[in-house]
Amino acid sequence: MPVSLRELTEADSVKLISLANNPSIANDMCTLPSPFTKEDAFQLIERSKDDQEVVLGVVENETGQLTGVIMLRDFEPSHRQAELSIWIGQDYWGKSYGSSAIIEMT
């Protein structure tokens, strides 16, 4: 696998801002604010600590660089389902990072 998943930390805030501040990503994500601010980054990092959803960073194994975010939320235990959401920074598109992250998450 070219990527692994890990918990987001406050040290990720600058990278999150640089990755997420892209209209090509924000236009396809209904819950990603645009512009994506420092406050938005810290809110996302806080959400990763919440037990109501799973929010993880997608990390390139070769370099250790954060490349995006993957989430499971809106759990429906009675139907055994949840919503999967993922975004990958544009510099990392076309490298199968999203597909690999989905396989890793599931």
C-alpha atoms as a PDB file:
ATOM      1  CA  MET A   1       0.000   0.000   0.000  1.00  0.00           C
ATOM      2  CA  PRO A   2       1.345   3.447  -0.862  1.00  0.00           C
ATOM      3  CA  VAL A   3      -0.429   5.076   2.120  1.00  0.00           C
ATOM      4  CA  SER A   4      -1.287   4.445   5.737  1.00  0.00           C
ATOM      5  CA  LEU A   5      -3.795   6.080   8.066  1.00  0.00           C
ATOM      6  CA  ARG A   6      -3.068   7.877  11.310  1.00  0.00           C
ATOM      7  CA  GLU A   7      -4.612  10.234  13.828  1.00  0.00           C
ATOM      8  CA  LEU A   8      -4.437  13.930  12.987  1.00  0.00           C
ATOM      9  CA  THR A   9      -2.391  16.158  15.288  1.00  0.00           C
ATOM     10  CA  GLU A  10      -2.055  19.903  15.770  1.00  0.00           C
ATOM     11  CA  ALA A  11       1.227  19.694  13.841  1.00  0.00           C
ATOM     12  CA  ASP A  12      -0.861  18.799  10.759  1.00  0.00           C
ATOM     13  CA  SER A  13      -2.748  22.097  10.730  1.00  0.00           C
ATOM     14  CA  VAL A  14      -0.503  23.922   8.219  1.00  0.00           C
ATOM     15  CA  LYS A  15      -0.466  20.959   5.820  1.00  0.00           C
ATOM     16  CA  LEU A  16      -4.243  20.537   6.124  1.00  0.00           C
ATOM     17  CA  ILE A  17      -4.728  24.192   5.178  1.00  0.00           C
ATOM     18  CA  SER A  18      -2.431  23.915   2.155  1.00  0.00           C
ATOM     19  CA  LEU A  19      -4.090  20.699   0.956  1.00  0.00           C
ATOM     20  CA  ALA A  20      -7.709  21.742   1.538  1.00  0.00           C
ATOM     21  CA  ASN A  21      -7.526  25.281   0.159  1.00  0.00           C
ATOM     22  CA  ASN A  22      -8.299  24.117  -3.339  1.00  0.00           C
ATOM     23  CA  PRO A  23     -11.607  24.851  -5.087  1.00  0.00           C
ATOM     24  CA  SER A  24     -11.269  21.582  -7.023  1.00  0.00           C
ATOM     25  CA  ILE A  25     -11.526  19.710  -3.732  1.00  0.00           C
ATOM     26  CA  ALA A  26     -13.997  21.970  -1.927  1.00  0.00           C
ATOM     27  CA  ASN A  27     -16.462  21.914  -4.849  1.00  0.00           C
ATOM     28  CA  ASP A  28     -16.795  18.138  -4.509  1.00  0.00           C
ATOM     29  CA  MET A  29     -17.018  18.025  -0.705  1.00  0.00           C
ATOM     30  CA  CYS A  30     -20.267  19.171   0.884  1.00  0.00           C
ATOM     31  CA  THR A  31     -18.717  19.621   4.351  1.00  0.00           C
ATOM     32  CA  LEU A  32     -15.302  21.092   3.494  1.00  0.00           C
ATOM     33  CA  PRO A  33     -15.262  24.853   4.062  1.00  0.00           C
ATOM     34  CA  SER A  34     -13.767  27.064   1.398  1.00  0.00           C
ATOM     35  CA  PRO A  35     -11.576  28.855   2.084  1.00  0.00           C
ATOM     36  CA  PHE A  36     -10.207  26.369   4.615  1.00  0.00           C
ATOM     37  CA  THR A  37      -8.793  28.341   7.544  1.00  0.00           C
ATOM     38  CA  LYS A  38      -6.585  27.619  10.533  1.00  0.00           C
ATOM     39  CA  GLU A  39      -9.746  27.435  12.656  1.00  0.00           C
ATOM     40  CA  ASP A  40     -11.199  24.861  10.229  1.00  0.00           C
ATOM     41  CA  ALA A  41      -8.007  22.802  10.497  1.00  0.00           C
ATOM     42  CA  PHE A  42      -8.166  22.795  14.295  1.00  0.00           C
ATOM     43  CA  GLN A  43     -11.874  21.882  14.226  1.00  0.00           C
ATOM     44  CA  LEU A  44     -11.087  18.928  11.952  1.00  0.00           C
ATOM     45  CA  ILE A  45      -8.280  17.839  14.264  1.00  0.00           C
ATOM     46  CA  GLU A  46     -10.684  18.050  17.235  1.00  0.00           C
ATOM     47  CA  ARG A  47     -13.250  15.987  15.323  1.00  0.00           C
ATOM     48  CA  SER A  48     -10.606  13.278  14.970  1.00  0.00           C
ATOM     49  CA  LYS A  49     -10.659  12.925  18.767  1.00  0.00           C
ATOM     50  CA  ASP A  50     -14.457  12.537  18.913  1.00  0.00           C
ATOM     51  CA  ASP A  51     -15.850   9.035  19.318  1.00  0.00           C
ATOM     52  CA  GLN A  52     -18.898   9.851  17.159  1.00  0.00           C
ATOM     53  CA  GLU A  53     -16.895   9.630  13.921  1.00  0.00           C
ATOM     54  CA  VAL A  54     -13.571   8.348  12.627  1.00  0.00           C
ATOM     55  CA  VAL A  55     -11.346  11.056  11.110  1.00  0.00           C
ATOM     56  CA  LEU A  56      -7.850  10.005  10.026  1.00  0.00           C
ATOM     57  CA  GLY A  57      -5.006  11.461   8.020  1.00  0.00           C
ATOM     58  CA  VAL A  58      -3.923   9.729   4.812  1.00  0.00           C
ATOM     59  CA  VAL A  59      -0.110   9.571   4.865  1.00  0.00           C
ATOM     60  CA  GLU A  60       2.237   8.753   2.005  1.00  0.00           C
ATOM     61  CA  ASN A  61       4.359   5.855   3.257  1.00  0.00           C
ATOM     62  CA  GLU A  62       7.487   6.756   1.309  1.00  0.00           C
ATOM     63  CA  THR A  63       7.780  10.331   2.624  1.00  0.00           C
ATOM     64  CA  GLY A  64       5.528  10.383   5.691  1.00  0.00           C
ATOM     65  CA  GLN A  65       3.698  13.391   4.207  1.00  0.00           C
ATOM     66  CA  LEU A  66       0.039  14.001   4.984  1.00  0.00           C
ATOM     67  CA  THR A  67      -1.826  13.774   1.661  1.00  0.00           C
ATOM     68  CA  GLY A  68      -5.480  14.004   2.681  1.00  0.00           C
ATOM     69  CA  VAL A  69      -8.213  12.954   5.085  1.00  0.00           C
ATOM     70  CA  ILE A  70     -10.595  10.000   5.274  1.00  0.00           C
ATOM     71  CA  MET A  71     -13.689   9.854   7.517  1.00  0.00           C
ATOM     72  CA  LEU A  72     -16.427   7.509   8.640  1.00  0.00           C
ATOM     73  CA  ARG A  73     -19.449   9.304  10.100  1.00  0.00           C
ATOM     74  CA  ASP A  74     -23.224   9.238  10.412  1.00  0.00           C
ATOM     75  CA  PHE A  75     -23.178   5.725  11.815  1.00  0.00           C
ATOM     76  CA  GLU A  76     -26.460   3.812  11.545  1.00  0.00           C
ATOM     77  CA  PRO A  77     -26.008   0.792  13.831  1.00  0.00           C
ATOM     78  CA  SER A  78     -29.416  -0.677  13.039  1.00  0.00           C
ATOM     79  CA  HIS A  79     -28.484  -0.786   9.340  1.00  0.00           C
ATOM     80  CA  ARG A  80     -24.787  -1.505   9.948  1.00  0.00           C
ATOM     81  CA  GLN A  81     -23.702   1.381   7.742  1.00  0.00           C
ATOM     82  CA  ALA A  82     -21.833   4.697   7.845  1.00  0.00           C
ATOM     83  CA  GLU A  83     -20.906   7.443   5.420  1.00  0.00           C
ATOM     84  CA  LEU A  84     -17.366   7.259   4.010  1.00  0.00           C
ATOM     85  CA  SER A  85     -15.797  10.551   2.943  1.00  0.00           C
ATOM     86  CA  ILE A  86     -12.316  11.148   1.562  1.00  0.00           C
ATOM     87  CA  TRP A  87     -10.310  13.930  -0.004  1.00  0.00           C
ATOM     88  CA  ILE A  88      -6.752  13.853  -1.278  1.00  0.00           C
ATOM     89  CA  GLY A  89      -4.626  16.938  -2.012  1.00  0.00           C
ATOM     90  CA  GLN A  90      -4.314  17.697  -5.727  1.00  0.00           C
ATOM     91  CA  ASP A  91      -0.529  17.169  -5.759  1.00  0.00           C
ATOM     92  CA  TYR A  92      -1.208  13.536  -4.847  1.00  0.00           C
ATOM     93  CA  TRP A  93      -3.952  12.759  -7.381  1.00  0.00           C
ATOM     94  CA  GLY A  94      -3.468   9.865  -9.796  1.00  0.00           C
ATOM     95  CA  LYS A  95      -1.328   7.801  -7.413  1.00  0.00           C
ATOM     96  CA  SER A  96      -4.074   5.492  -6.050  1.00  0.00           C
ATOM     97  CA  TYR A  97      -3.827   7.088  -2.603  1.00  0.00           C
ATOM     98  CA  GLY A  98      -7.590   7.457  -2.286  1.00  0.00           C
ATOM     99  CA  SER A  99      -8.287   3.859  -3.287  1.00  0.00           C
ATOM    100  CA  SER A 100      -5.562   2.595  -0.980  1.00  0.00           C
ATOM    101  CA  ALA A 101      -6.890   4.670   1.919  1.00  0.00           C
ATOM    102  CA  ILE A 102     -10.405   3.301   1.393  1.00  0.00           C
ATOM    103  CA  ILE A 103      -9.077  -0.266   1.417  1.00  0.00           C
ATOM    104  CA  GLU A 104      -7.085   0.495   4.576  1.00  0.00           C
ATOM    105  CA  MET A 105     -10.116   2.101   6.281  1.00  0.00           C
ATOM    106  CA  THR A 106     -12.499  -0.718   5.451  1.00  0.00           C
END
